Amino acid sequence: EAQTPGRVLAEFIVSPSGEAVMETFSAVTT
């Protein structure tokens, strides 16, 4: 609504089955 742009650099581990391991998720910058 405020027309605010933004960026997020997300870091996480991708498992051998092709899923994100959410326990390792964090936003490096935002």
mmCIF file of all heavy atoms, coordinates in Angstrom:
data_MODEL
# 
_entry.id   MODEL 
# 
loop_
_atom_site.group_PDB 
_atom_site.id 
_atom_site.type_symbol 
_atom_site.label_atom_id 
_atom_site.label_alt_id 
_atom_site.label_comp_id 
_atom_site.label_asym_id 
_atom_site.label_entity_id 
_atom_site.label_seq_id 
_atom_site.pdbx_PDB_ins_code 
_atom_site.Cartn_x 
_atom_site.Cartn_y 
_atom_site.Cartn_z 
_atom_site.occupancy 
_atom_site.B_iso_or_equiv 
_atom_site.pdbx_formal_charge 
_atom_site.auth_seq_id 
_atom_site.auth_comp_id 
_atom_site.auth_asym_id 
_atom_site.auth_atom_id 
_atom_site.pdbx_PDB_model_num 
ATOM 1   N N   . GLU A 1 1  ? 0.820  -1.207  0.000  1.00 0.00 ? 1  GLU A N   1 
ATOM 2   C CA  . GLU A 1 1  ? 0.000  0.000   0.000  1.00 0.00 ? 1  GLU A CA  1 
ATOM 3   C C   . GLU A 1 1  ? 0.858  1.264   0.000  1.00 0.00 ? 1  GLU A C   1 
ATOM 4   O O   . GLU A 1 1  ? 0.493  2.280   -0.587 1.00 0.00 ? 1  GLU A O   1 
ATOM 5   C CB  . GLU A 1 1  ? -0.921 -0.001  1.223  1.00 0.00 ? 1  GLU A CB  1 
ATOM 6   C CG  . GLU A 1 1  ? -1.963 -1.101  1.250  1.00 0.00 ? 1  GLU A CG  1 
ATOM 7   C CD  . GLU A 1 1  ? -2.964 -0.980  0.107  1.00 0.00 ? 1  GLU A CD  1 
ATOM 8   O OE1 . GLU A 1 1  ? -3.243 0.155   -0.326 1.00 0.00 ? 1  GLU A OE1 1 
ATOM 9   O OE2 . GLU A 1 1  ? -3.469 -2.015  -0.357 1.00 0.00 ? 1  GLU A OE2 1 
ATOM 10  N N   . ALA A 1 2  ? 2.015  1.203   0.663  1.00 0.00 ? 2  ALA A N   1 
ATOM 11  C CA  . ALA A 1 2  ? 2.912  2.365   0.728  1.00 0.00 ? 2  ALA A CA  1 
ATOM 12  C C   . ALA A 1 2  ? 3.856  2.447   -0.470 1.00 0.00 ? 2  ALA A C   1 
ATOM 13  O O   . ALA A 1 2  ? 4.681  3.355   -0.540 1.00 0.00 ? 2  ALA A O   1 
ATOM 14  C CB  . ALA A 1 2  ? 3.725  2.318   2.016  1.00 0.00 ? 2  ALA A CB  1 
ATOM 15  N N   . GLN A 1 3  ? 3.740  1.496   -1.401 1.00 0.00 ? 3  GLN A N   1 
ATOM 16  C CA  . GLN A 1 3  ? 4.590  1.463   -2.588 1.00 0.00 ? 3  GLN A CA  1 
ATOM 17  C C   . GLN A 1 3  ? 6.070  1.418   -2.218 1.00 0.00 ? 3  GLN A C   1 
ATOM 18  O O   . GLN A 1 3  ? 6.919  2.118   -2.806 1.00 0.00 ? 3  GLN A O   1 
ATOM 19  C CB  . GLN A 1 3  ? 4.302  2.670   -3.489 1.00 0.00 ? 3  GLN A CB  1 
ATOM 20  C CG  . GLN A 1 3  ? 2.956  2.633   -4.203 1.00 0.00 ? 3  GLN A CG  1 
ATOM 21  C CD  . GLN A 1 3  ? 2.973  1.617   -5.343 1.00 0.00 ? 3  GLN A CD  1 
ATOM 22  O OE1 . GLN A 1 3  ? 3.397  1.898   -6.470 1.00 0.00 ? 3  GLN A OE1 1 
ATOM 23  N NE2 . GLN A 1 3  ? 2.522  0.416   -5.049 1.00 0.00 ? 3  GLN A NE2 1 
ATOM 24  N N   . THR A 1 4  ? 6.393  0.577   -1.243 1.00 0.00 ? 4  THR A N   1 
ATOM 25  C CA  . THR A 1 4  ? 7.762  0.456   -0.759 1.00 0.00 ? 4  THR A CA  1 
ATOM 26  C C   . THR A 1 4  ? 8.465  -0.711  -1.441 1.00 0.00 ? 4  THR A C   1 
ATOM 27  O O   . THR A 1 4  ? 8.058  -1.862  -1.278 1.00 0.00 ? 4  THR A O   1 
ATOM 28  C CB  . THR A 1 4  ? 7.774  0.229   0.766  1.00 0.00 ? 4  THR A CB  1 
ATOM 29  O OG1 . THR A 1 4  ? 7.101  1.310   1.405  1.00 0.00 ? 4  THR A OG1 1 
ATOM 30  C CG2 . THR A 1 4  ? 9.206  0.142   1.290  1.00 0.00 ? 4  THR A CG2 1 
ATOM 31  N N   . PRO A 1 5  ? 9.521  -0.464  -2.198 1.00 0.00 ? 5  PRO A N   1 
ATOM 32  C CA  . PRO A 1 5  ? 10.282 -1.559  -2.810 1.00 0.00 ? 5  PRO A CA  1 
ATOM 33  C C   . PRO A 1 5  ? 11.220 -2.186  -1.789 1.00 0.00 ? 5  PRO A C   1 
ATOM 34  O O   . PRO A 1 5  ? 11.437 -1.633  -0.699 1.00 0.00 ? 5  PRO A O   1 
ATOM 35  C CB  . PRO A 1 5  ? 11.074 -0.855  -3.919 1.00 0.00 ? 5  PRO A CB  1 
ATOM 36  C CG  . PRO A 1 5  ? 11.291 0.533   -3.379 1.00 0.00 ? 5  PRO A CG  1 
ATOM 37  C CD  . PRO A 1 5  ? 10.062 0.859   -2.567 1.00 0.00 ? 5  PRO A CD  1 
ATOM 38  N N   . GLY A 1 6  ? 11.791 -3.326  -2.121 1.00 0.00 ? 6  GLY A N   1 
ATOM 39  C CA  . GLY A 1 6  ? 12.712 -3.946  -1.178 1.00 0.00 ? 6  GLY A CA  1 
ATOM 40  C C   . GLY A 1 6  ? 13.445 -5.136  -1.752 1.00 0.00 ? 6  GLY A C   1 
ATOM 41  O O   . GLY A 1 6  ? 13.129 -5.626  -2.838 1.00 0.00 ? 6  GLY A O   1 
ATOM 42  N N   . ARG A 1 7  ? 14.442 -5.587  -0.984 1.00 0.00 ? 7  ARG A N   1 
ATOM 43  C CA  . ARG A 1 7  ? 15.244 -6.741  -1.380 1.00 0.00 ? 7  ARG A CA  1 
ATOM 44  C C   . ARG A 1 7  ? 15.516 -7.611  -0.156 1.00 0.00 ? 7  ARG A C   1 
ATOM 45  O O   . ARG A 1 7  ? 15.628 -7.115  0.964  1.00 0.00 ? 7  ARG A O   1 
ATOM 46  C CB  . ARG A 1 7  ? 16.577 -6.315  -2.001 1.00 0.00 ? 7  ARG A CB  1 
ATOM 47  C CG  . ARG A 1 7  ? 16.449 -5.672  -3.374 1.00 0.00 ? 7  ARG A CG  1 
ATOM 48  C CD  . ARG A 1 7  ? 17.823 -5.314  -3.918 1.00 0.00 ? 7  ARG A CD  1 
ATOM 49  N NE  . ARG A 1 7  ? 18.660 -6.487  -4.112 1.00 0.00 ? 7  ARG A NE  1 
ATOM 50  C CZ  . ARG A 1 7  ? 18.672 -7.232  -5.219 1.00 0.00 ? 7  ARG A CZ  1 
ATOM 51  N NH1 . ARG A 1 7  ? 17.883 -6.917  -6.239 1.00 0.00 ? 7  ARG A NH1 1 
ATOM 52  N NH2 . ARG A 1 7  ? 19.464 -8.281  -5.316 1.00 0.00 ? 7  ARG A NH2 1 
ATOM 53  N N   . VAL A 1 8  ? 15.642 -8.910  -0.403 1.00 0.00 ? 8  VAL A N   1 
ATOM 54  C CA  . VAL A 1 8  ? 16.017 -9.873  0.632  1.00 0.00 ? 8  VAL A CA  1 
ATOM 55  C C   . VAL A 1 8  ? 17.012 -10.844 0.017  1.00 0.00 ? 8  VAL A C   1 
ATOM 56  O O   . VAL A 1 8  ? 16.792 -11.335 -1.097 1.00 0.00 ? 8  VAL A O   1 
ATOM 57  C CB  . VAL A 1 8  ? 14.800 -10.661 1.168  1.00 0.00 ? 8  VAL A CB  1 
ATOM 58  C CG1 . VAL A 1 8  ? 15.250 -11.736 2.143  1.00 0.00 ? 8  VAL A CG1 1 
ATOM 59  C CG2 . VAL A 1 8  ? 13.802 -9.730  1.832  1.00 0.00 ? 8  VAL A CG2 1 
ATOM 60  N N   . LEU A 1 9  ? 18.102 -11.103 0.722  1.00 0.00 ? 9  LEU A N   1 
ATOM 61  C CA  . LEU A 1 9  ? 19.028 -12.162 0.325  1.00 0.00 ? 9  LEU A CA  1 
ATOM 62  C C   . LEU A 1 9  ? 18.854 -13.301 1.321  1.00 0.00 ? 9  LEU A C   1 
ATOM 63  O O   . LEU A 1 9  ? 19.251 -13.191 2.485  1.00 0.00 ? 9  LEU A O   1 
ATOM 64  C CB  . LEU A 1 9  ? 20.473 -11.663 0.330  1.00 0.00 ? 9  LEU A CB  1 
ATOM 65  C CG  . LEU A 1 9  ? 21.528 -12.708 -0.067 1.00 0.00 ? 9  LEU A CG  1 
ATOM 66  C CD1 . LEU A 1 9  ? 21.282 -13.215 -1.494 1.00 0.00 ? 9  LEU A CD1 1 
ATOM 67  C CD2 . LEU A 1 9  ? 22.932 -12.142 0.057  1.00 0.00 ? 9  LEU A CD2 1 
ATOM 68  N N   . ALA A 1 10 ? 18.208 -14.365 0.884  1.00 0.00 ? 10 ALA A N   1 
ATOM 69  C CA  . ALA A 1 10 ? 17.894 -15.498 1.761  1.00 0.00 ? 10 ALA A CA  1 
ATOM 70  C C   . ALA A 1 10 ? 18.980 -16.552 1.668  1.00 0.00 ? 10 ALA A C   1 
ATOM 71  O O   . ALA A 1 10 ? 19.478 -16.858 0.577  1.00 0.00 ? 10 ALA A O   1 
ATOM 72  C CB  . ALA A 1 10 ? 16.548 -16.102 1.382  1.00 0.00 ? 10 ALA A CB  1 
ATOM 73  N N   . GLU A 1 11 ? 19.342 -17.106 2.811  1.00 0.00 ? 11 GLU A N   1 
ATOM 74  C CA  . GLU A 1 11 ? 20.345 -18.177 2.859  1.00 0.00 ? 11 GLU A CA  1 
ATOM 75  C C   . GLU A 1 11 ? 19.740 -19.410 3.518  1.00 0.00 ? 11 GLU A C   1 
ATOM 76  O O   . GLU A 1 11 ? 19.049 -19.305 4.537  1.00 0.00 ? 11 GLU A O   1 
ATOM 77  C CB  . GLU A 1 11 ? 21.571 -17.722 3.643  1.00 0.00 ? 11 GLU A CB  1 
ATOM 78  C CG  . GLU A 1 11 ? 22.653 -18.799 3.741  1.00 0.00 ? 11 GLU A CG  1 
ATOM 79  C CD  . GLU A 1 11 ? 23.863 -18.335 4.533  1.00 0.00 ? 11 GLU A CD  1 
ATOM 80  O OE1 . GLU A 1 11 ? 23.745 -18.209 5.782  1.00 0.00 ? 11 GLU A OE1 1 
ATOM 81  O OE2 . GLU A 1 11 ? 24.906 -18.090 3.919  1.00 0.00 ? 11 GLU A OE2 1 
ATOM 82  N N   . PHE A 1 12 ? 20.005 -20.570 2.928  1.00 0.00 ? 12 PHE A N   1 
ATOM 83  C CA  . PHE A 1 12 ? 19.490 -21.830 3.470  1.00 0.00 ? 12 PHE A CA  1 
ATOM 84  C C   . PHE A 1 12 ? 20.199 -22.964 2.762  1.00 0.00 ? 12 PHE A C   1 
ATOM 85  O O   . PHE A 1 12 ? 20.923 -22.750 1.773  1.00 0.00 ? 12 PHE A O   1 
ATOM 86  C CB  . PHE A 1 12 ? 17.974 -21.937 3.249  1.00 0.00 ? 12 PHE A CB  1 
ATOM 87  C CG  . PHE A 1 12 ? 17.543 -21.664 1.834  1.00 0.00 ? 12 PHE A CG  1 
ATOM 88  C CD1 . PHE A 1 12 ? 17.399 -22.691 0.907  1.00 0.00 ? 12 PHE A CD1 1 
ATOM 89  C CD2 . PHE A 1 12 ? 17.305 -20.365 1.413  1.00 0.00 ? 12 PHE A CD2 1 
ATOM 90  C CE1 . PHE A 1 12 ? 17.022 -22.433 -0.400 1.00 0.00 ? 12 PHE A CE1 1 
ATOM 91  C CE2 . PHE A 1 12 ? 16.922 -20.087 0.104  1.00 0.00 ? 12 PHE A CE2 1 
ATOM 92  C CZ  . PHE A 1 12 ? 16.776 -21.121 -0.802 1.00 0.00 ? 12 PHE A CZ  1 
ATOM 93  N N   . ILE A 1 13 ? 19.992 -24.157 3.258  1.00 0.00 ? 13 ILE A N   1 
ATOM 94  C CA  . ILE A 1 13 ? 20.574 -25.343 2.628  1.00 0.00 ? 13 ILE A CA  1 
ATOM 95  C C   . ILE A 1 13 ? 19.504 -26.075 1.836  1.00 0.00 ? 13 ILE A C   1 
ATOM 96  O O   . ILE A 1 13 ? 18.379 -26.255 2.320  1.00 0.00 ? 13 ILE A O   1 
ATOM 97  C CB  . ILE A 1 13 ? 21.198 -26.269 3.692  1.00 0.00 ? 13 ILE A CB  1 
ATOM 98  C CG1 . ILE A 1 13 ? 22.548 -25.685 4.122  1.00 0.00 ? 13 ILE A CG1 1 
ATOM 99  C CG2 . ILE A 1 13 ? 21.336 -27.691 3.193  1.00 0.00 ? 13 ILE A CG2 1 
ATOM 100 C CD1 . ILE A 1 13 ? 23.426 -26.599 4.909  1.00 0.00 ? 13 ILE A CD1 1 
ATOM 101 N N   . VAL A 1 14 ? 19.852 -26.465 0.625  1.00 0.00 ? 14 VAL A N   1 
ATOM 102 C CA  . VAL A 1 14 ? 18.981 -27.284 -0.214 1.00 0.00 ? 14 VAL A CA  1 
ATOM 103 C C   . VAL A 1 14 ? 19.382 -28.744 -0.026 1.00 0.00 ? 14 VAL A C   1 
ATOM 104 O O   . VAL A 1 14 ? 20.551 -29.110 -0.196 1.00 0.00 ? 14 VAL A O   1 
ATOM 105 C CB  . VAL A 1 14 ? 19.093 -26.885 -1.697 1.00 0.00 ? 14 VAL A CB  1 
ATOM 106 C CG1 . VAL A 1 14 ? 18.254 -27.824 -2.565 1.00 0.00 ? 14 VAL A CG1 1 
ATOM 107 C CG2 . VAL A 1 14 ? 18.649 -25.450 -1.901 1.00 0.00 ? 14 VAL A CG2 1 
ATOM 108 N N   . SER A 1 15 ? 18.414 -29.567 0.359  1.00 0.00 ? 15 SER A N   1 
ATOM 109 C CA  . SER A 1 15 ? 18.683 -30.975 0.641  1.00 0.00 ? 15 SER A CA  1 
ATOM 110 C C   . SER A 1 15 ? 18.837 -31.781 -0.653 1.00 0.00 ? 15 SER A C   1 
ATOM 111 O O   . SER A 1 15 ? 18.466 -31.305 -1.739 1.00 0.00 ? 15 SER A O   1 
ATOM 112 C CB  . SER A 1 15 ? 17.535 -31.563 1.466  1.00 0.00 ? 15 SER A CB  1 
ATOM 113 O OG  . SER A 1 15 ? 16.370 -31.704 0.653  1.00 0.00 ? 15 SER A OG  1 
ATOM 114 N N   . PRO A 1 16 ? 19.374 -33.001 -0.586 1.00 0.00 ? 16 PRO A N   1 
ATOM 115 C CA  . PRO A 1 16 ? 19.481 -33.846 -1.783 1.00 0.00 ? 16 PRO A CA  1 
ATOM 116 C C   . PRO A 1 16 ? 18.134 -34.163 -2.419 1.00 0.00 ? 16 PRO A C   1 
ATOM 117 O O   . PRO A 1 16 ? 18.073 -34.508 -3.595 1.00 0.00 ? 16 PRO A O   1 
ATOM 118 C CB  . PRO A 1 16 ? 20.162 -35.117 -1.248 1.00 0.00 ? 16 PRO A CB  1 
ATOM 119 C CG  . PRO A 1 16 ? 20.919 -34.663 -0.044 1.00 0.00 ? 16 PRO A CG  1 
ATOM 120 C CD  . PRO A 1 16 ? 20.058 -33.598 0.573  1.00 0.00 ? 16 PRO A CD  1 
ATOM 121 N N   . SER A 1 17 ? 17.040 -34.052 -1.649 1.00 0.00 ? 17 SER A N   1 
ATOM 122 C CA  . SER A 1 17 ? 15.710 -34.316 -2.205 1.00 0.00 ? 17 SER A CA  1 
ATOM 123 C C   . SER A 1 17 ? 15.086 -33.069 -2.821 1.00 0.00 ? 17 SER A C   1 
ATOM 124 O O   . SER A 1 17 ? 13.952 -33.130 -3.311 1.00 0.00 ? 17 SER A O   1 
ATOM 125 C CB  . SER A 1 17 ? 14.788 -34.867 -1.113 1.00 0.00 ? 17 SER A CB  1 
ATOM 126 O OG  . SER A 1 17 ? 14.635 -33.933 -0.055 1.00 0.00 ? 17 SER A OG  1 
ATOM 127 N N   . GLY A 1 18 ? 15.789 -31.936 -2.797 1.00 0.00 ? 18 GLY A N   1 
ATOM 128 C CA  . GLY A 1 18 ? 15.283 -30.725 -3.442 1.00 0.00 ? 18 GLY A CA  1 
ATOM 129 C C   . GLY A 1 18 ? 14.386 -29.877 -2.573 1.00 0.00 ? 18 GLY A C   1 
ATOM 130 O O   . GLY A 1 18 ? 13.582 -29.101 -3.090 1.00 0.00 ? 18 GLY A O   1 
ATOM 131 N N   . GLU A 1 19 ? 14.521 -29.975 -1.263 1.00 0.00 ? 19 GLU A N   1 
ATOM 132 C CA  . GLU A 1 19 ? 13.746 -29.155 -0.343 1.00 0.00 ? 19 GLU A CA  1 
ATOM 133 C C   . GLU A 1 19 ? 14.669 -28.248 0.446  1.00 0.00 ? 19 GLU A C   1 
ATOM 134 O O   . GLU A 1 19 ? 15.836 -28.573 0.681  1.00 0.00 ? 19 GLU A O   1 
ATOM 135 C CB  . GLU A 1 19 ? 12.946 -30.040 0.630  1.00 0.00 ? 19 GLU A CB  1 
ATOM 136 C CG  . GLU A 1 19 ? 11.929 -30.945 -0.050 1.00 0.00 ? 19 GLU A CG  1 
ATOM 137 C CD  . GLU A 1 19 ? 11.243 -31.855 0.945  1.00 0.00 ? 19 GLU A CD  1 
ATOM 138 O OE1 . GLU A 1 19 ? 11.807 -32.054 2.045  1.00 0.00 ? 19 GLU A OE1 1 
ATOM 139 O OE2 . GLU A 1 19 ? 10.159 -32.360 0.632  1.00 0.00 ? 19 GLU A OE2 1 
ATOM 140 N N   . ALA A 1 20 ? 14.121 -27.095 0.865  1.00 0.00 ? 20 ALA A N   1 
ATOM 141 C CA  . ALA A 1 20 ? 14.888 -26.188 1.709  1.00 0.00 ? 20 ALA A CA  1 
ATOM 142 C C   . ALA A 1 20 ? 14.862 -26.702 3.148  1.00 0.00 ? 20 ALA A C   1 
ATOM 143 O O   . ALA A 1 20 ? 13.804 -27.056 3.665  1.00 0.00 ? 20 ALA A O   1 
ATOM 144 C CB  . ALA A 1 20 ? 14.315 -24.781 1.645  1.00 0.00 ? 20 ALA A CB  1 
ATOM 145 N N   . VAL A 1 21 ? 16.011 -26.756 3.775  1.00 0.00 ? 21 VAL A N   1 
ATOM 146 C CA  . VAL A 1 21 ? 16.102 -27.133 5.186  1.00 0.00 ? 21 VAL A CA  1 
ATOM 147 C C   . VAL A 1 21 ? 15.830 -25.872 5.995  1.00 0.00 ? 21 VAL A C   1 
ATOM 148 O O   . VAL A 1 21 ? 16.689 -25.011 6.157  1.00 0.00 ? 21 VAL A O   1 
ATOM 149 C CB  . VAL A 1 21 ? 17.492 -27.707 5.520  1.00 0.00 ? 21 VAL A CB  1 
ATOM 150 C CG1 . VAL A 1 21 ? 17.569 -28.120 6.992  1.00 0.00 ? 21 VAL A CG1 1 
ATOM 151 C CG2 . VAL A 1 21 ? 17.805 -28.891 4.611  1.00 0.00 ? 21 VAL A CG2 1 
ATOM 152 N N   . MET A 1 22 ? 14.595 -25.732 6.503  1.00 0.00 ? 22 MET A N   1 
ATOM 153 C CA  . MET A 1 22 ? 14.157 -24.471 7.085  1.00 0.00 ? 22 MET A CA  1 
ATOM 154 C C   . MET A 1 22 ? 14.885 -24.125 8.384  1.00 0.00 ? 22 MET A C   1 
ATOM 155 O O   . MET A 1 22 ? 14.921 -22.965 8.779  1.00 0.00 ? 22 MET A O   1 
ATOM 156 C CB  . MET A 1 22 ? 12.648 -24.482 7.311  1.00 0.00 ? 22 MET A CB  1 
ATOM 157 C CG  . MET A 1 22 ? 11.841 -24.589 6.013  1.00 0.00 ? 22 MET A CG  1 
ATOM 158 S SD  . MET A 1 22 ? 12.336 -23.380 4.755  1.00 0.00 ? 22 MET A SD  1 
ATOM 159 C CE  . MET A 1 22 ? 11.918 -21.840 5.551  1.00 0.00 ? 22 MET A CE  1 
ATOM 160 N N   . GLU A 1 23 ? 15.474 -25.107 9.060  1.00 0.00 ? 23 GLU A N   1 
ATOM 161 C CA  . GLU A 1 23 ? 16.247 -24.810 10.271 1.00 0.00 ? 23 GLU A CA  1 
ATOM 162 C C   . GLU A 1 23 ? 17.496 -24.004 9.952  1.00 0.00 ? 23 GLU A C   1 
ATOM 163 O O   . GLU A 1 23 ? 18.106 -23.412 10.846 1.00 0.00 ? 23 GLU A O   1 
ATOM 164 C CB  . GLU A 1 23 ? 16.650 -26.105 10.986 1.00 0.00 ? 23 GLU A CB  1 
ATOM 165 C CG  . GLU A 1 23 ? 15.503 -26.864 11.617 1.00 0.00 ? 23 GLU A CG  1 
ATOM 166 C CD  . GLU A 1 23 ? 14.726 -27.687 10.595 1.00 0.00 ? 23 GLU A CD  1 
ATOM 167 O OE1 . GLU A 1 23 ? 15.137 -27.732 9.412  1.00 0.00 ? 23 GLU A OE1 1 
ATOM 168 O OE2 . GLU A 1 23 ? 13.701 -28.288 10.989 1.00 0.00 ? 23 GLU A OE2 1 
ATOM 169 N N   . THR A 1 24 ? 17.874 -23.968 8.664  1.00 0.00 ? 24 THR A N   1 
ATOM 170 C CA  . THR A 1 24 ? 19.063 -23.209 8.273  1.00 0.00 ? 24 THR A CA  1 
ATOM 171 C C   . THR A 1 24 ? 18.710 -21.898 7.583  1.00 0.00 ? 24 THR A C   1 
ATOM 172 O O   . THR A 1 24 ? 19.594 -21.187 7.120  1.00 0.00 ? 24 THR A O   1 
ATOM 173 C CB  . THR A 1 24 ? 19.944 -24.047 7.316  1.00 0.00 ? 24 THR A CB  1 
ATOM 174 O OG1 . THR A 1 24 ? 19.231 -24.288 6.089  1.00 0.00 ? 24 THR A OG1 1 
ATOM 175 C CG2 . THR A 1 24 ? 20.322 -25.374 7.952  1.00 0.00 ? 24 THR A CG2 1 
ATOM 176 N N   . PHE A 1 25 ? 17.414 -21.563 7.525  1.00 0.00 ? 25 PHE A N   1 
ATOM 177 C CA  . PHE A 1 25 ? 16.995 -20.353 6.814  1.00 0.00 ? 25 PHE A CA  1 
ATOM 178 C C   . PHE A 1 25 ? 17.316 -19.100 7.624  1.00 0.00 ? 25 PHE A C   1 
ATOM 179 O O   . PHE A 1 25 ? 17.082 -19.028 8.833  1.00 0.00 ? 25 PHE A O   1 
ATOM 180 C CB  . PHE A 1 25 ? 15.500 -20.384 6.526  1.00 0.00 ? 25 PHE A CB  1 
ATOM 181 C CG  . PHE A 1 25 ? 14.978 -19.118 5.881  1.00 0.00 ? 25 PHE A CG  1 
ATOM 182 C CD1 . PHE A 1 25 ? 14.903 -19.001 4.499  1.00 0.00 ? 25 PHE A CD1 1 
ATOM 183 C CD2 . PHE A 1 25 ? 14.601 -18.028 6.657  1.00 0.00 ? 25 PHE A CD2 1 
ATOM 184 C CE1 . PHE A 1 25 ? 14.438 -17.836 3.910  1.00 0.00 ? 25 PHE A CE1 1 
ATOM 185 C CE2 . PHE A 1 25 ? 14.124 -16.860 6.072  1.00 0.00 ? 25 PHE A CE2 1 
ATOM 186 C CZ  . PHE A 1 25 ? 14.058 -16.764 4.705  1.00 0.00 ? 25 PHE A CZ  1 
ATOM 187 N N   . SER A 1 26 ? 17.844 -18.091 6.939  1.00 0.00 ? 26 SER A N   1 
ATOM 188 C CA  . SER A 1 26 ? 18.015 -16.762 7.524  1.00 0.00 ? 26 SER A CA  1 
ATOM 189 C C   . SER A 1 26 ? 18.077 -15.751 6.395  1.00 0.00 ? 26 SER A C   1 
ATOM 190 O O   . SER A 1 26 ? 18.343 -16.103 5.232  1.00 0.00 ? 26 SER A O   1 
ATOM 191 C CB  . SER A 1 26 ? 19.282 -16.669 8.382  1.00 0.00 ? 26 SER A CB  1 
ATOM 192 O OG  . SER A 1 26 ? 20.442 -16.781 7.580  1.00 0.00 ? 26 SER A OG  1 
ATOM 193 N N   . ALA A 1 27 ? 17.778 -14.506 6.716  1.00 0.00 ? 27 ALA A N   1 
ATOM 194 C CA  . ALA A 1 27 ? 17.908 -13.415 5.754  1.00 0.00 ? 27 ALA A CA  1 
ATOM 195 C C   . ALA A 1 27 ? 19.259 -12.751 6.000  1.00 0.00 ? 27 ALA A C   1 
ATOM 196 O O   . ALA A 1 27 ? 19.470 -12.114 7.030  1.00 0.00 ? 27 ALA A O   1 
ATOM 197 C CB  . ALA A 1 27 ? 16.777 -12.411 5.907  1.00 0.00 ? 27 ALA A CB  1 
ATOM 198 N N   . VAL A 1 28 ? 20.181 -12.924 5.062  1.00 0.00 ? 28 VAL A N   1 
ATOM 199 C CA  . VAL A 1 28 ? 21.515 -12.337 5.216  1.00 0.00 ? 28 VAL A CA  1 
ATOM 200 C C   . VAL A 1 28 ? 21.414 -10.813 5.234  1.00 0.00 ? 28 VAL A C   1 
ATOM 201 O O   . VAL A 1 28 ? 21.997 -10.145 6.089  1.00 0.00 ? 28 VAL A O   1 
ATOM 202 C CB  . VAL A 1 28 ? 22.454 -12.801 4.084  1.00 0.00 ? 28 VAL A CB  1 
ATOM 203 C CG1 . VAL A 1 28 ? 23.843 -12.185 4.240  1.00 0.00 ? 28 VAL A CG1 1 
ATOM 204 C CG2 . VAL A 1 28 ? 22.540 -14.324 4.063  1.00 0.00 ? 28 VAL A CG2 1 
ATOM 205 N N   . THR A 1 29 ? 20.665 -10.267 4.281  1.00 0.00 ? 29 THR A N   1 
ATOM 206 C CA  . THR A 1 29 ? 20.401 -8.823  4.248  1.00 0.00 ? 29 THR A CA  1 
ATOM 207 C C   . THR A 1 29 ? 18.944 -8.609  3.844  1.00 0.00 ? 29 THR A C   1 
ATOM 208 O O   . THR A 1 29 ? 18.351 -9.441  3.143  1.00 0.00 ? 29 THR A O   1 
ATOM 209 C CB  . THR A 1 29 ? 21.301 -8.078  3.233  1.00 0.00 ? 29 THR A CB  1 
ATOM 210 O OG1 . THR A 1 29 ? 21.058 -8.587  1.912  1.00 0.00 ? 29 THR A OG1 1 
ATOM 211 C CG2 . THR A 1 29 ? 22.765 -8.237  3.572  1.00 0.00 ? 29 THR A CG2 1 
ATOM 212 N N   . THR A 1 30 ? 18.378 -7.510  4.267  1.00 0.00 ? 30 THR A N   1 
ATOM 213 C CA  . THR A 1 30 ? 17.031 -7.127  3.851  1.00 0.00 ? 30 THR A CA  1 
ATOM 214 C C   . THR A 1 30 ? 16.868 -5.627  4.024  1.00 0.00 ? 30 THR A C   1 
ATOM 215 O O   . THR A 1 30 ? 17.476 -5.037  4.927  1.00 0.00 ? 30 THR A O   1 
ATOM 216 C CB  . THR A 1 30 ? 15.942 -7.866  4.656  1.00 0.00 ? 30 THR A CB  1 
ATOM 217 O OG1 . THR A 1 30 ? 14.652 -7.478  4.199  1.00 0.00 ? 30 THR A OG1 1 
ATOM 218 C CG2 . THR A 1 30 ? 16.045 -7.552  6.148  1.00 0.00 ? 30 THR A CG2 1 
# 
